[in-house]
Structures are given as structure tokens and as C-alpha cells.
Amino acid sequence: LLLAVFPAALWPVAAVEVHTSKQVDAVNGTNLRLKCTFSSSSPISQRLSVTWNFQPEDLSSHEPVFYYLKEPYKISTGRFKERVTWDGNIQRNDVSIVIWNLQPSDNGTFTCQVKNPPDVDGTIGEVRLKVVQKVHFSEIHFLAVVIGSACVLMIIVVLVVIFCRHHRKKQQEKRTEVADTELTEKEKLKSREEKEATPLED
């Protein structure tokens, strides 16, 4: 009797899980793909819907960004009019969008909500966008620069060592050549003196 009355209490509630980045930095004037994926315990339904909203940094009311139901629907008003395009693939559980020509006024939090009946409850993906004038170096970029600089420095040191050895060898060869030339001249001069010192026969 209890199983008949409370079946839902003994069965896990189906829910959609939405996954997004926590925070994204983007350069002013560029385009950005806001990635959002989902997982559902139910097969993908024809009634699946995707809702993207935006909340500015001043925490004012949410603004519509994009909507999907069987097909993408662009919004006709607001700051994101003609600036958002669909870049998802429902069959791959991807409901991402692209925002064009980012502006500082786009700083805020974007939310991505997916409903896949009968899975209509679940998490809402949130990603905080920060529009900057230029991209700050990440730790990976910094490490790449350090490694690259170290490699360049090692190459320079190797080239300097090779150049010094080559220069030293040339100098040594030049000194040897001068010494050989001086020795030859001395031998010639000695031979000439010996000839001059030898009395001529009548």
C-alpha cells in the first residue's frame, strides 16, 4: 500500500544537469562562444527547450539572450539583438551560443537552462563574463614564455661558444703560420750567410 501511495519517494527524480565554465575573459570587440552542455536521464525530446538569459553586474533584472525549441529563435529586442547566433548540436548535448562584438556592457552573468521533458528540473549553468581590453597572461602562457626564453638563451650561449672556439682556432692557426714563415725566413737567411761565408775556389 505504501509503495502504491508513495512511488515517487522511492524512485530518484529525473533531472537535467547543465555544464558551463565558471568564468570567461574575452577581449573587447571580439566574438565569444559560450559553451554549454547538458546530460539527461531521458532520451532527447522534441519538446526540449533551451533558455539563455543575462544579468548585468549591477544585478538588475534578467534579460533574454536566446531561446531554442525545435529550432533556434533569435531575440528581437534588447542589447543582444542581432548579436547572438546558435552554435550548438542537440544530438551531441551541446547548446552553445556565440556572442558577437563584445562590449564592456556585456560584463555580467549568463545563465543556460535546459528542459527535456519529462526532465524539466535540474541545475542551471552559470558563466560569468568579463570583457577586458587585452587578455592577461595565464600561468600556461607565462610558463611557455619562460621556457621559450630559456631555449633561446641556450641557443645563444651555444652559438657564442662555437664562435669563440672557431675564433681561437683561427688565431692559433694564424700564429702557427706566422711562426712557420719566420722559421723559414731564418733558415733561408742562415743558408745565405753560410754560402757567403764559404771561400770561393780559384
Protein backbone atom coordinates (compact mmCIF):
# COMPACT_ATOMS: atom_id res chain seq x y z
CA LEU A 1 0.00 0.00 0.00
CA LEU A 2 2.81 2.41 0.88
CA LEU A 3 4.57 1.61 -2.39
CA ALA A 4 1.39 2.42 -4.28
CA VAL A 5 0.83 5.68 -2.43
CA PHE A 6 4.42 6.97 -2.39
CA PRO A 7 6.14 5.58 -5.50
CA ALA A 8 7.87 8.88 -6.22
CA ALA A 9 9.56 8.89 -2.83
CA LEU A 10 11.27 5.61 -3.58
CA TRP A 11 12.33 6.46 -7.14
CA PRO A 12 15.04 9.04 -7.99
CA VAL A 13 13.69 12.22 -9.54
CA ALA A 14 14.86 12.73 -13.14
CA ALA A 15 16.74 15.97 -13.67
CA VAL A 16 18.81 17.72 -16.32
CA GLU A 17 22.39 18.58 -15.44
CA VAL A 18 23.84 21.62 -17.21
CA HIS A 19 27.58 22.26 -17.51
CA THR A 20 29.30 25.60 -18.25
CA SER A 21 32.55 27.36 -17.44
CA LYS A 22 32.52 29.32 -14.21
CA GLN A 23 34.19 32.42 -15.65
CA VAL A 24 35.40 33.53 -19.07
CA ASP A 25 37.57 36.50 -20.04
CA ALA A 26 37.26 37.93 -23.54
CA VAL A 27 38.75 40.87 -25.41
CA ASN A 28 36.63 43.91 -26.18
CA GLY A 29 35.31 43.86 -29.76
CA THR A 30 35.88 40.12 -30.32
CA ASN A 31 33.43 37.23 -30.62
CA LEU A 32 32.96 34.59 -27.93
CA ARG A 33 31.49 31.10 -27.91
CA LEU A 34 29.68 30.48 -24.65
CA LYS A 35 29.85 26.72 -24.25
CA CYS A 36 27.00 24.91 -22.53
CA THR A 37 26.39 21.16 -22.48
CA PHE A 38 23.83 19.04 -20.69
CA SER A 39 23.06 15.49 -19.61
CA SER A 40 19.62 13.98 -19.16
CA SER A 41 18.33 10.63 -17.94
CA SER A 42 15.64 10.73 -20.64
CA PRO A 43 16.08 10.49 -24.41
CA ILE A 44 16.19 13.83 -26.20
CA SER A 45 12.63 15.03 -26.61
CA GLN A 46 11.07 17.04 -29.41
CA ARG A 47 9.93 19.38 -26.65
CA LEU A 48 13.47 20.07 -25.44
CA SER A 49 13.96 23.77 -24.78
CA VAL A 50 17.00 25.93 -24.12
CA THR A 51 16.85 29.35 -22.48
CA TRP A 52 19.81 31.73 -22.28
CA ASN A 53 19.46 34.79 -20.02
CA PHE A 54 21.77 37.57 -18.87
CA GLN A 55 22.12 39.50 -15.62
CA PRO A 56 24.32 42.64 -15.67
CA GLU A 57 26.90 43.33 -12.98
CA ASP A 58 24.54 45.78 -11.28
CA LEU A 59 22.28 42.76 -10.54
CA SER A 60 19.32 44.32 -12.31
CA SER A 61 16.58 42.17 -13.85
CA HIS A 62 17.44 39.28 -16.16
CA GLU A 63 17.48 39.96 -19.89
CA PRO A 64 16.68 37.39 -22.61
CA VAL A 65 19.60 36.34 -24.79
CA PHE A 66 18.49 33.32 -26.82
CA TYR A 67 15.81 30.64 -26.97
CA TYR A 68 15.61 27.21 -28.58
CA LEU A 69 12.53 25.00 -29.09
CA LYS A 70 12.76 22.58 -32.03
CA GLU A 71 14.76 25.34 -33.73
CA PRO A 72 16.78 28.42 -32.72
CA TYR A 73 14.93 31.67 -32.05
CA LYS A 74 16.75 34.98 -32.02
CA ILE A 75 15.52 37.74 -29.75
CA SER A 76 14.07 40.81 -31.45
CA THR A 77 14.84 43.38 -28.75
CA GLY A 78 17.48 44.19 -26.16
CA ARG A 79 21.25 44.58 -26.15
CA PHE A 80 21.82 41.18 -27.75
CA LYS A 81 19.59 41.75 -30.76
CA GLU A 82 21.39 40.56 -33.92
CA ARG A 83 24.47 39.74 -31.82
CA VAL A 84 23.79 36.12 -30.85
CA THR A 85 23.84 33.02 -33.06
CA TRP A 86 23.20 29.36 -32.33
CA ASP A 87 26.31 27.17 -32.27
CA GLY A 88 25.00 24.04 -30.57
CA ASN A 89 24.14 20.49 -31.56
CA ILE A 90 21.22 18.98 -29.66
CA GLN A 91 22.13 15.42 -30.67
CA ARG A 92 25.52 15.93 -29.04
CA ASN A 93 24.00 17.55 -25.94
CA ASP A 94 25.56 20.87 -26.91
CA VAL A 95 23.50 24.07 -26.57
CA SER A 96 26.26 26.66 -27.02
CA ILE A 97 25.84 30.13 -28.50
CA VAL A 98 28.18 32.76 -29.99
CA ILE A 99 28.08 36.39 -28.93
CA TRP A 100 29.44 38.85 -31.48
CA ASN A 101 31.27 42.14 -30.95
CA LEU A 102 31.63 42.02 -27.18
CA GLN A 103 31.33 45.27 -25.25
CA PRO A 104 32.17 46.24 -21.64
CA SER A 105 28.42 46.50 -21.04
CA ASP A 106 28.26 42.71 -21.58
CA ASN A 107 30.02 42.15 -18.25
CA GLY A 108 27.77 40.02 -16.09
CA THR A 109 26.42 36.50 -15.64
CA PHE A 110 24.90 34.37 -18.40
CA THR A 111 22.60 31.50 -17.45
CA CYS A 112 21.86 28.43 -19.54
CA GLN A 113 18.77 26.37 -18.70
CA VAL A 114 17.76 23.14 -20.45
CA LYS A 115 14.44 21.32 -20.12
CA ASN A 116 13.99 17.87 -21.66
CA PRO A 117 10.50 16.61 -20.73
CA PRO A 118 9.88 14.69 -18.61
CA ASP A 119 13.20 16.03 -17.22
CA VAL A 120 12.21 19.62 -16.50
CA ASP A 121 14.08 20.24 -13.25
CA GLY A 122 17.79 20.36 -12.61
CA THR A 123 20.79 22.64 -12.48
CA ILE A 124 21.13 25.93 -14.32
CA GLY A 125 24.51 26.66 -15.84
CA GLU A 126 26.06 30.00 -14.93
CA VAL A 127 29.09 31.61 -16.56
CA ARG A 128 30.45 34.99 -15.55
CA LEU A 129 31.79 37.05 -18.45
CA LYS A 130 34.48 39.68 -18.05
CA VAL A 131 35.25 41.83 -21.09
CA VAL A 132 38.80 43.22 -20.96
CA GLN A 133 40.91 45.42 -23.20
CA LYS A 134 43.53 42.71 -23.58
CA VAL A 135 43.98 39.15 -22.44
CA HIS A 136 46.05 38.65 -19.31
CA PHE A 137 48.78 36.04 -19.40
CA SER A 138 47.72 32.82 -17.78
CA GLU A 139 50.13 30.56 -15.93
CA ILE A 140 50.44 28.37 -19.04
CA HIS A 141 51.29 31.37 -21.20
CA PHE A 142 53.81 32.57 -18.63
CA LEU A 143 55.41 29.11 -18.46
CA ALA A 144 55.58 28.96 -22.26
CA VAL A 145 57.31 32.34 -22.39
CA VAL A 146 59.83 31.28 -19.70
CA ILE A 147 60.62 28.00 -21.46
CA GLY A 148 60.89 29.73 -24.83
CA SER A 149 63.22 32.39 -23.42
CA ALA A 150 65.39 29.72 -21.77
CA CYS A 151 65.66 27.83 -25.07
CA VAL A 152 66.63 30.99 -26.96
CA LEU A 153 69.23 31.82 -24.29
CA MET A 154 70.73 28.32 -24.53
CA ILE A 155 70.96 28.61 -28.31
CA ILE A 156 72.71 31.97 -27.98
CA VAL A 157 75.19 30.54 -25.44
CA VAL A 158 75.95 27.58 -27.72
CA LEU A 159 76.49 29.89 -30.70
CA VAL A 160 78.80 32.12 -28.66
CA VAL A 161 80.84 29.12 -27.50
CA ILE A 162 81.13 27.82 -31.07
CA PHE A 163 82.14 31.26 -32.34
CA CYS A 164 84.78 31.65 -29.60
CA ARG A 165 86.26 28.24 -30.32
CA HIS A 166 86.31 28.94 -34.03
CA HIS A 167 87.94 32.33 -33.47
CA ARG A 168 90.51 30.82 -31.11
CA LYS A 169 91.33 28.10 -33.64
CA LYS A 170 91.79 30.68 -36.38
CA GLN A 171 94.08 32.74 -34.17
CA GLN A 172 96.12 29.65 -33.31
CA GLU A 173 96.39 28.68 -36.98
CA LYS A 174 97.48 32.23 -37.82
CA ARG A 175 100.16 32.23 -35.11
CA THR A 176 101.40 28.83 -36.31
CA GLU A 177 101.54 30.10 -39.87
CA VAL A 178 103.48 33.20 -38.83
CA ALA A 179 105.88 31.09 -36.78
CA ASP A 180 106.45 28.73 -39.72
CA THR A 181 107.04 31.69 -42.03
CA GLU A 182 109.54 33.25 -39.62
CA LEU A 183 111.35 29.91 -39.24
CA THR A 184 111.55 29.50 -43.00
CA GLU A 185 112.94 33.01 -43.39
CA LYS A 186 115.52 32.36 -40.70
CA GLU A 187 116.58 29.13 -42.40
CA LYS A 188 116.91 30.91 -45.74
CA LEU A 189 118.90 33.72 -44.15
CA LYS A 190 121.18 31.23 -42.37
CA SER A 191 121.71 29.30 -45.58
CA ARG A 192 122.56 32.51 -47.42
CA GLU A 193 125.04 33.53 -44.73
CA GLU A 194 126.72 30.13 -44.88
CA LYS A 195 127.07 30.43 -48.64
CA GLU A 196 128.57 33.88 -48.34
CA ALA A 197 130.99 32.73 -45.65
CA THR A 198 132.28 29.84 -47.82
CA PRO A 199 135.52 30.97 -49.72
CA LEU A 200 135.27 30.82 -53.47
CA GLU A 201 137.56 28.27 -55.16
CA ASP A 202 140.01 29.50 -57.79
